[in-house]
Amino acid sequence: MIYNFLYPLADFFSPFNLFRYLTFRSIAAFLTALVLSFLIGGRLIRWLRSKQKQGQPIREDGPASHIVSKKGTPTMGGLLILISLCVATLLWADLTNPYVWIVLGITIAFGGVGLWDDFLKVTKRNPKGVPGKTKFGLSIVVAAVAAYLIAQWSPPSLRYMLALPFLKDALVPLGLVGFIVFAVLVIVGTSNAVNLTDGLDGLAIGPVIMASAVFGLIAYVVGNLVYTNYLYLHHIPRSGELAVLLSALVGAGLGFLWFNAPPAMVFMGDTGSLAIGGALGAVAVVTKHEIVLAIVGGLFVLETVSVIVQVLSFKWTGRRIFRMAPLHHHFEQKGWAEPTVVFRFWIIAAILSMVGLATLKLR
């Protein structure tokens, strides 16, 4: 909004030229989201606590320590992330850019589904919330619409294509239906993977911040013709504007972590986890770095695979591979303290982020 209003006036007031630089607006979006999180976080948490009384229902089949230590903690803290992210993005991004609206739309829509789910959990005192099929179906519809729109705005030579990392000219044609199915799998899969990871104080938001920073850089590079030619990447015109949105997500994530650090004052809930996971998945589809997302977000993949393996193993053999799934609960059951699990998983996420970032040069 600020860019759209002030940059056209640069001919009359030269300092407004600053707004044409993605780096300047990305930093501004980061600081705006961070400061706004600090300003409204305390008030929002007090309001959520006053409305929810008993806080988020704790899973009875989860670790016994959670029933005591986390009882009464309010949920829907993802609202803090969404408000800060949306305000910062609307202020500093180019609002004529279709990719910004598509990713922002997915974020808000997934956040809405998550908010509905959290609302039912709190009001019905039932940790199941919205039926899984309903939540999954809504997510698929939203992601399919977004995937179609992304394809229409993609360069014709890359439309309906899957780009393979490490190979500069390798493109796999998927066709319209194939592309939409694949994009839905990436967006919905990432959304649910982040949701599964969000089980300990600060566990999910740390890797999300790291992945957002990496994909903010990827979006910036892929949207710049000079860098794509140098690195042998596929150029996606105007995708660089997503760096502003992802910088806002990093700032909003850090602001949320201030309140979510152990012991958490608020949980992000499905309101936050579904939304930010969907945003990361959508950006990966736009930038043609879906496979790289599986590397950068490898921690989310591990958490998801642990659940799948646990379910299949118990169904087929009657035995459990892990003491409890997702994976972070397995280590809790082995005696690791919650902060130990969180910080070690963060280290893994940081390593995977660097590995994913290195793929930009491996062509």
Protein backbone atom coordinates (compact mmCIF):
# COMPACT_ATOMS: atom_id res chain seq x y z
CA MET A 1 0.00 0.00 0.00
CA ILE A 2 2.77 2.42 0.95
CA TYR A 3 4.70 1.32 -2.14
CA ASN A 4 1.72 1.85 -4.45
CA PHE A 5 1.01 5.30 -3.03
CA LEU A 6 4.50 6.73 -2.60
CA TYR A 7 6.73 5.18 -5.27
CA PRO A 8 4.88 6.96 -8.14
CA LEU A 9 5.81 10.23 -6.40
CA ALA A 10 9.54 9.47 -6.62
CA ASP A 11 9.91 11.91 -9.54
CA PHE A 12 8.86 14.70 -7.21
CA PHE A 13 10.61 13.53 -4.05
CA SER A 14 13.69 11.39 -4.74
CA PRO A 15 13.84 9.62 -1.31
CA PHE A 16 10.68 7.76 -2.35
CA ASN A 17 12.94 5.81 -4.74
CA LEU A 18 13.77 3.66 -1.71
CA PHE A 19 10.41 1.96 -2.09
CA ARG A 20 11.39 0.37 -5.38
CA TYR A 21 14.00 -1.76 -3.63
CA LEU A 22 12.74 -5.16 -2.50
CA THR A 23 15.45 -5.31 0.14
CA PHE A 24 14.27 -2.07 1.76
CA ARG A 25 10.61 -3.09 1.75
CA SER A 26 11.43 -6.59 3.00
CA ILE A 27 13.32 -5.18 5.98
CA ALA A 28 10.50 -2.71 6.60
CA ALA A 29 7.92 -5.53 6.49
CA PHE A 30 10.01 -7.59 8.90
CA LEU A 31 10.29 -4.74 11.41
CA THR A 32 6.63 -3.78 11.05
CA ALA A 33 5.43 -7.32 11.76
CA LEU A 34 7.86 -7.74 14.65
CA VAL A 35 6.98 -4.45 16.36
CA LEU A 36 3.25 -4.96 15.80
CA SER A 37 3.52 -8.43 17.37
CA PHE A 38 5.12 -6.93 20.46
CA LEU A 39 2.50 -4.16 20.65
CA ILE A 40 -0.61 -6.31 20.39
CA GLY A 41 0.65 -9.67 21.66
CA GLY A 42 0.05 -9.12 25.37
CA ARG A 43 -3.41 -7.67 24.88
CA LEU A 44 -4.43 -10.43 22.47
CA ILE A 45 -3.27 -13.15 24.86
CA ARG A 46 -5.15 -11.59 27.78
CA TRP A 47 -8.28 -11.38 25.62
CA LEU A 48 -7.94 -15.02 24.52
CA ARG A 49 -7.41 -16.12 28.10
CA SER A 50 -10.51 -14.22 29.27
CA LYS A 51 -12.66 -15.85 26.58
CA GLN A 52 -11.29 -19.39 26.78
CA LYS A 53 -11.09 -19.74 30.57
CA GLN A 54 -9.74 -23.33 30.64
CA GLY A 55 -7.53 -22.84 27.58
CA GLN A 56 -6.89 -25.41 24.88
CA PRO A 57 -8.05 -28.98 25.64
CA ILE A 58 -4.99 -31.20 26.12
CA ARG A 59 -4.85 -34.62 24.44
CA GLU A 60 -5.48 -37.34 27.00
CA ASP A 61 -3.29 -39.74 25.01
CA GLY A 62 -0.38 -37.28 25.01
CA PRO A 63 2.53 -37.11 27.47
CA ALA A 64 1.24 -37.02 31.05
CA SER A 65 3.40 -33.98 31.86
CA HIS A 66 1.47 -31.88 29.33
CA ILE A 67 -1.81 -32.34 31.18
CA VAL A 68 -0.38 -30.48 34.16
CA SER A 69 2.15 -28.05 32.65
CA LYS A 70 0.05 -26.85 29.71
CA LYS A 71 -3.39 -26.80 31.30
CA GLY A 72 -5.09 -23.43 30.98
CA THR A 73 -2.85 -22.12 28.18
CA PRO A 74 -5.01 -20.33 25.57
CA THR A 75 -4.92 -21.28 21.91
CA MET A 76 -5.63 -19.35 18.67
CA GLY A 77 -2.32 -17.50 19.10
CA GLY A 78 -1.94 -17.85 15.35
CA LEU A 79 -4.12 -14.75 15.16
CA LEU A 80 -1.08 -12.77 16.34
CA ILE A 81 0.94 -14.13 13.41
CA LEU A 82 -1.84 -13.58 10.88
CA ILE A 83 -2.62 -10.01 11.96
CA SER A 84 1.04 -8.96 11.98
CA LEU A 85 1.77 -10.74 8.69
CA CYS A 86 -1.24 -9.30 6.86
CA VAL A 87 -0.74 -5.72 8.08
CA ALA A 88 2.97 -5.70 7.24
CA THR A 89 2.41 -7.28 3.82
CA LEU A 90 -0.42 -4.91 2.90
CA LEU A 91 1.69 -1.93 3.94
CA TRP A 92 4.94 -2.79 2.16
CA ALA A 93 4.20 -5.18 -0.74
CA ASP A 94 3.25 -4.23 -4.28
CA LEU A 95 -0.50 -4.83 -4.17
CA THR A 96 -0.71 -5.10 -7.95
CA ASN A 97 1.30 -8.34 -7.75
CA PRO A 98 -0.96 -11.41 -8.19
CA TYR A 99 1.39 -13.76 -6.35
CA VAL A 100 1.12 -11.67 -3.19
CA TRP A 101 -2.67 -11.94 -3.21
CA ILE A 102 -2.66 -15.67 -4.00
CA VAL A 103 -0.29 -16.55 -1.14
CA LEU A 104 -1.97 -14.12 1.22
CA GLY A 105 -5.35 -15.59 0.25
CA ILE A 106 -4.17 -19.13 1.01
CA THR A 107 -2.74 -17.99 4.34
CA ILE A 108 -5.99 -16.32 5.41
CA ALA A 109 -8.21 -19.14 4.13
CA PHE A 110 -6.20 -21.86 5.85
CA GLY A 111 -6.07 -19.69 8.95
CA GLY A 112 -9.86 -19.43 8.82
CA VAL A 113 -10.22 -23.21 8.69
CA GLY A 114 -7.82 -23.51 11.61
CA LEU A 115 -9.68 -20.83 13.57
CA TRP A 116 -12.93 -22.74 13.13
CA ASP A 117 -11.20 -25.89 14.33
CA ASP A 118 -9.71 -24.16 17.38
CA PHE A 119 -13.03 -22.52 18.19
CA LEU A 120 -14.80 -25.89 18.30
CA LYS A 121 -12.04 -27.39 20.41
CA VAL A 122 -12.36 -24.63 22.99
CA THR A 123 -16.16 -24.30 23.04
CA LYS A 124 -16.91 -28.03 22.89
CA ARG A 125 -13.96 -28.97 25.14
CA ASN A 126 -13.04 -31.60 22.58
CA PRO A 127 -9.46 -31.83 21.20
CA LYS A 128 -10.77 -33.18 17.86
CA GLY A 129 -12.47 -29.97 16.65
CA VAL A 130 -13.64 -29.90 13.02
CA PRO A 131 -14.01 -33.42 11.50
CA GLY A 132 -10.85 -34.35 9.66
CA LYS A 133 -12.60 -34.98 6.34
CA THR A 134 -14.25 -31.55 6.42
CA LYS A 135 -11.03 -29.74 7.26
CA PHE A 136 -9.07 -31.71 4.67
CA GLY A 137 -11.73 -31.15 1.99
CA LEU A 138 -11.81 -27.39 2.51
CA SER A 139 -8.02 -27.23 2.37
CA ILE A 140 -7.96 -29.16 -0.90
CA VAL A 141 -10.52 -26.85 -2.52
CA VAL A 142 -8.63 -23.71 -1.49
CA ALA A 143 -5.29 -25.15 -2.59
CA ALA A 144 -6.70 -26.31 -5.96
CA VAL A 145 -8.05 -22.84 -6.74
CA ALA A 146 -4.73 -21.28 -5.74
CA ALA A 147 -2.78 -23.81 -7.83
CA TYR A 148 -4.84 -22.97 -10.91
CA LEU A 149 -4.26 -19.24 -10.41
CA ILE A 150 -0.54 -19.75 -9.87
CA ALA A 151 -0.34 -21.70 -13.11
CA GLN A 152 -2.12 -18.97 -15.06
CA TRP A 153 0.34 -16.32 -13.86
CA SER A 154 3.42 -18.50 -14.38
CA PRO A 155 5.58 -18.01 -17.50
CA PRO A 156 4.16 -20.07 -20.39
CA SER A 157 7.35 -22.10 -20.69
CA LEU A 158 7.10 -23.15 -17.01
CA ARG A 159 3.33 -23.54 -16.74
CA TYR A 160 2.33 -27.00 -15.50
CA MET A 161 6.01 -27.93 -15.12
CA LEU A 162 7.92 -29.48 -12.23
CA ALA A 163 11.48 -28.20 -11.93
CA LEU A 164 14.12 -30.61 -10.61
CA PRO A 165 16.89 -29.26 -8.38
CA PHE A 166 20.57 -29.80 -9.29
CA LEU A 167 19.64 -29.97 -13.01
CA LYS A 168 19.54 -26.61 -14.77
CA ASP A 169 17.33 -27.58 -17.71
CA ALA A 170 15.29 -30.46 -16.28
CA LEU A 171 11.54 -29.87 -16.41
CA VAL A 172 8.87 -32.53 -15.98
CA PRO A 173 5.59 -31.73 -17.79
CA LEU A 174 2.62 -32.48 -15.53
CA GLY A 175 -0.28 -31.05 -17.52
CA LEU A 176 -3.04 -28.96 -15.97
CA VAL A 177 -4.59 -31.71 -13.86
CA GLY A 178 -1.25 -33.18 -12.83
CA PHE A 179 0.10 -29.79 -11.82
CA ILE A 180 -2.94 -28.96 -9.72
CA VAL A 181 -2.84 -32.36 -8.00
CA PHE A 182 0.88 -31.96 -7.28
CA ALA A 183 0.50 -28.36 -6.07
CA VAL A 184 -2.39 -29.35 -3.79
CA LEU A 185 -0.23 -32.13 -2.36
CA VAL A 186 2.58 -29.65 -1.64
CA ILE A 187 0.38 -26.93 -0.14
CA VAL A 188 -1.94 -29.13 1.92
CA GLY A 189 0.89 -31.48 2.85
CA THR A 190 3.08 -28.64 4.13
CA SER A 191 0.17 -27.14 6.03
CA ASN A 192 -0.60 -30.39 7.83
CA ALA A 193 3.10 -31.17 8.39
CA VAL A 194 3.57 -27.89 10.26
CA ASN A 195 0.38 -28.65 12.17
CA LEU A 196 1.75 -32.04 13.28
CA THR A 197 5.03 -30.45 14.35
CA ASP A 198 3.26 -27.90 16.53
CA GLY A 199 3.21 -29.99 19.70
CA LEU A 200 5.79 -28.36 21.99
CA ASP A 201 6.41 -24.76 23.03
CA GLY A 202 8.27 -23.04 20.19
CA LEU A 203 8.89 -26.26 18.27
CA ALA A 204 7.06 -25.39 15.03
CA ILE A 205 7.62 -21.65 14.83
CA GLY A 206 11.44 -21.91 14.95
CA PRO A 207 11.77 -24.07 11.81
CA VAL A 208 9.03 -22.00 10.13
CA ILE A 209 11.10 -18.85 10.67
CA MET A 210 14.15 -20.56 9.18
CA ALA A 211 12.24 -21.92 6.19
CA SER A 212 10.60 -18.53 5.60
CA ALA A 213 13.97 -16.80 5.58
CA VAL A 214 15.37 -19.32 3.08
CA PHE A 215 12.36 -19.09 0.78
CA GLY A 216 12.35 -15.32 1.06
CA LEU A 217 15.84 -15.39 -0.42
CA ILE A 218 14.80 -17.97 -3.02
CA ALA A 219 11.84 -15.82 -4.09
CA TYR A 220 14.10 -12.77 -4.35
CA VAL A 221 16.64 -14.64 -6.47
CA VAL A 222 14.11 -16.40 -8.72
CA GLY A 223 12.39 -13.10 -9.41
CA ASN A 224 15.64 -11.42 -10.51
CA LEU A 225 16.73 -12.18 -14.07
CA VAL A 226 20.41 -11.38 -13.37
CA TYR A 227 20.61 -13.87 -10.51
CA THR A 228 18.67 -16.59 -12.31
CA ASN A 229 20.98 -16.36 -15.31
CA TYR A 230 24.04 -16.54 -13.05
CA LEU A 231 22.73 -19.46 -10.99
CA TYR A 232 21.00 -21.26 -13.90
CA LEU A 233 17.61 -21.06 -12.21
CA HIS A 234 14.21 -20.72 -13.83
CA HIS A 235 13.12 -17.09 -13.84
CA ILE A 236 9.65 -16.36 -12.45
CA PRO A 237 8.86 -12.69 -13.18
CA ARG A 238 7.38 -10.77 -10.22
CA SER A 239 7.87 -13.65 -7.78
CA GLY A 240 10.48 -11.59 -5.96
CA GLU A 241 7.69 -9.62 -4.29
CA LEU A 242 7.01 -12.67 -2.12
CA ALA A 243 10.24 -11.82 -0.28
CA VAL A 244 8.30 -8.99 1.35
CA LEU A 245 5.56 -11.35 2.53
CA LEU A 246 8.04 -13.92 3.82
CA SER A 247 10.06 -11.25 5.62
CA ALA A 248 6.83 -10.22 7.32
CA LEU A 249 6.29 -13.87 8.26
CA VAL A 250 9.76 -14.03 9.80
CA GLY A 251 9.03 -10.89 11.84
CA ALA A 252 5.60 -12.14 12.88
CA GLY A 253 7.10 -15.52 13.77
CA LEU A 254 9.76 -13.97 15.97
CA GLY A 255 7.15 -11.80 17.65
CA PHE A 256 5.01 -14.87 18.32
CA LEU A 257 8.02 -16.80 19.62
CA TRP A 258 8.53 -14.07 22.22
CA PHE A 259 5.24 -15.20 23.77
CA ASN A 260 5.46 -18.88 22.78
CA ALA A 261 8.93 -19.61 24.17
CA PRO A 262 8.87 -22.20 26.98
CA PRO A 263 6.76 -21.98 29.03
CA ALA A 264 4.31 -20.77 26.35
CA MET A 265 1.87 -18.00 27.19
CA VAL A 266 -0.21 -18.99 24.17
CA PHE A 267 -0.39 -21.77 21.57
CA MET A 268 -0.63 -20.91 17.88
CA GLY A 269 -3.23 -23.65 17.36
CA ASP A 270 -4.45 -24.72 13.95
CA THR A 271 -5.16 -21.03 13.29
CA GLY A 272 -1.45 -20.46 12.94
CA SER A 273 0.04 -23.81 11.93
CA LEU A 274 -2.30 -24.50 9.00
CA ALA A 275 -1.94 -20.92 7.74
CA ILE A 276 1.85 -20.58 7.79
CA GLY A 277 2.33 -24.10 6.45
CA GLY A 278 0.01 -23.31 3.56
CA ALA A 279 1.92 -20.08 2.87
CA LEU A 280 5.25 -21.89 2.66
CA GLY A 281 3.79 -24.54 0.37
CA ALA A 282 2.27 -21.92 -1.93
CA VAL A 283 5.55 -19.99 -2.20
CA ALA A 284 7.37 -23.21 -3.08
CA VAL A 285 4.87 -23.83 -5.90
CA VAL A 286 5.20 -20.27 -7.22
CA THR A 287 9.00 -20.37 -7.23
CA LYS A 288 9.20 -23.90 -8.67
CA HIS A 289 11.14 -25.09 -5.62
CA GLU A 290 8.71 -27.68 -4.30
CA ILE A 291 11.36 -30.38 -3.93
CA VAL A 292 13.71 -27.96 -2.19
CA LEU A 293 10.93 -27.30 0.32
CA ALA A 294 11.07 -30.98 1.27
CA ILE A 295 14.74 -30.43 2.14
CA VAL A 296 14.40 -27.07 3.89
CA GLY A 297 11.32 -28.29 5.73
CA GLY A 298 12.82 -31.72 6.31
CA LEU A 299 11.92 -31.59 10.00
CA PHE A 300 8.24 -31.28 9.08
CA VAL A 301 8.66 -34.24 6.73
CA LEU A 302 10.22 -36.35 9.49
CA GLU A 303 7.38 -35.53 11.87
CA THR A 304 4.78 -36.45 9.25
CA VAL A 305 6.53 -39.68 8.25
CA SER A 306 6.75 -40.71 11.90
CA VAL A 307 2.96 -40.48 12.17
CA ILE A 308 2.39 -42.39 8.93
CA VAL A 309 4.84 -45.13 9.91
CA GLN A 310 3.31 -45.40 13.39
CA VAL A 311 -0.23 -45.76 12.03
CA LEU A 312 0.68 -48.27 9.32
CA SER A 313 2.84 -50.34 11.66
CA PHE A 314 0.11 -50.58 14.28
CA LYS A 315 -2.51 -51.36 11.65
CA TRP A 316 -0.50 -54.08 9.91
CA THR A 317 1.46 -55.64 12.79
CA GLY A 318 -0.23 -54.41 15.97
CA ARG A 319 3.10 -52.92 17.09
CA ARG A 320 4.26 -49.31 17.40
CA ILE A 321 7.62 -48.23 16.01
CA PHE A 322 7.81 -45.15 18.22
CA ARG A 323 6.82 -44.78 21.84
CA MET A 324 4.50 -42.01 20.68
CA ALA A 325 3.96 -40.06 17.47
CA PRO A 326 4.68 -37.44 16.17
CA LEU A 327 8.42 -37.87 16.61
CA HIS A 328 8.92 -35.13 19.21
CA HIS A 329 6.68 -37.02 21.65
CA HIS A 330 8.80 -40.14 21.15
CA PHE A 331 11.84 -38.34 22.53
CA GLU A 332 9.81 -36.87 25.37
CA GLN A 333 8.79 -40.40 26.33
CA LYS A 334 12.45 -41.39 26.27
CA GLY A 335 13.09 -38.82 28.99
CA TRP A 336 14.27 -35.77 27.03
CA ALA A 337 13.17 -32.49 28.60
CA GLU A 338 10.86 -30.41 26.41
CA PRO A 339 13.40 -27.58 25.83
CA THR A 340 16.01 -30.20 24.87
CA VAL A 341 13.72 -31.63 22.19
CA VAL A 342 12.88 -28.16 20.89
CA PHE A 343 16.45 -26.88 20.66
CA ARG A 344 17.82 -30.06 19.10
CA PHE A 345 15.05 -30.09 16.53
CA TRP A 346 15.83 -26.43 15.80
CA ILE A 347 19.46 -27.39 15.15
CA ILE A 348 18.31 -30.08 12.70
CA ALA A 349 16.02 -27.55 11.00
CA ALA A 350 18.89 -25.04 10.70
CA ILE A 351 21.16 -27.65 9.09
CA LEU A 352 18.45 -28.67 6.61
CA SER A 353 17.77 -25.01 5.78
CA MET A 354 21.42 -24.50 4.88
CA VAL A 355 21.44 -27.67 2.78
CA GLY A 356 18.33 -26.48 0.95
CA LEU A 357 19.85 -23.05 0.40
CA ALA A 358 22.98 -24.65 -1.06
CA THR A 359 20.89 -26.18 -3.85
CA LEU A 360 20.71 -22.74 -5.45
CA LYS A 361 24.35 -23.08 -6.47
CA LEU A 362 24.35 -26.79 -7.32
CA ARG A 363 23.52 -26.73 -11.01
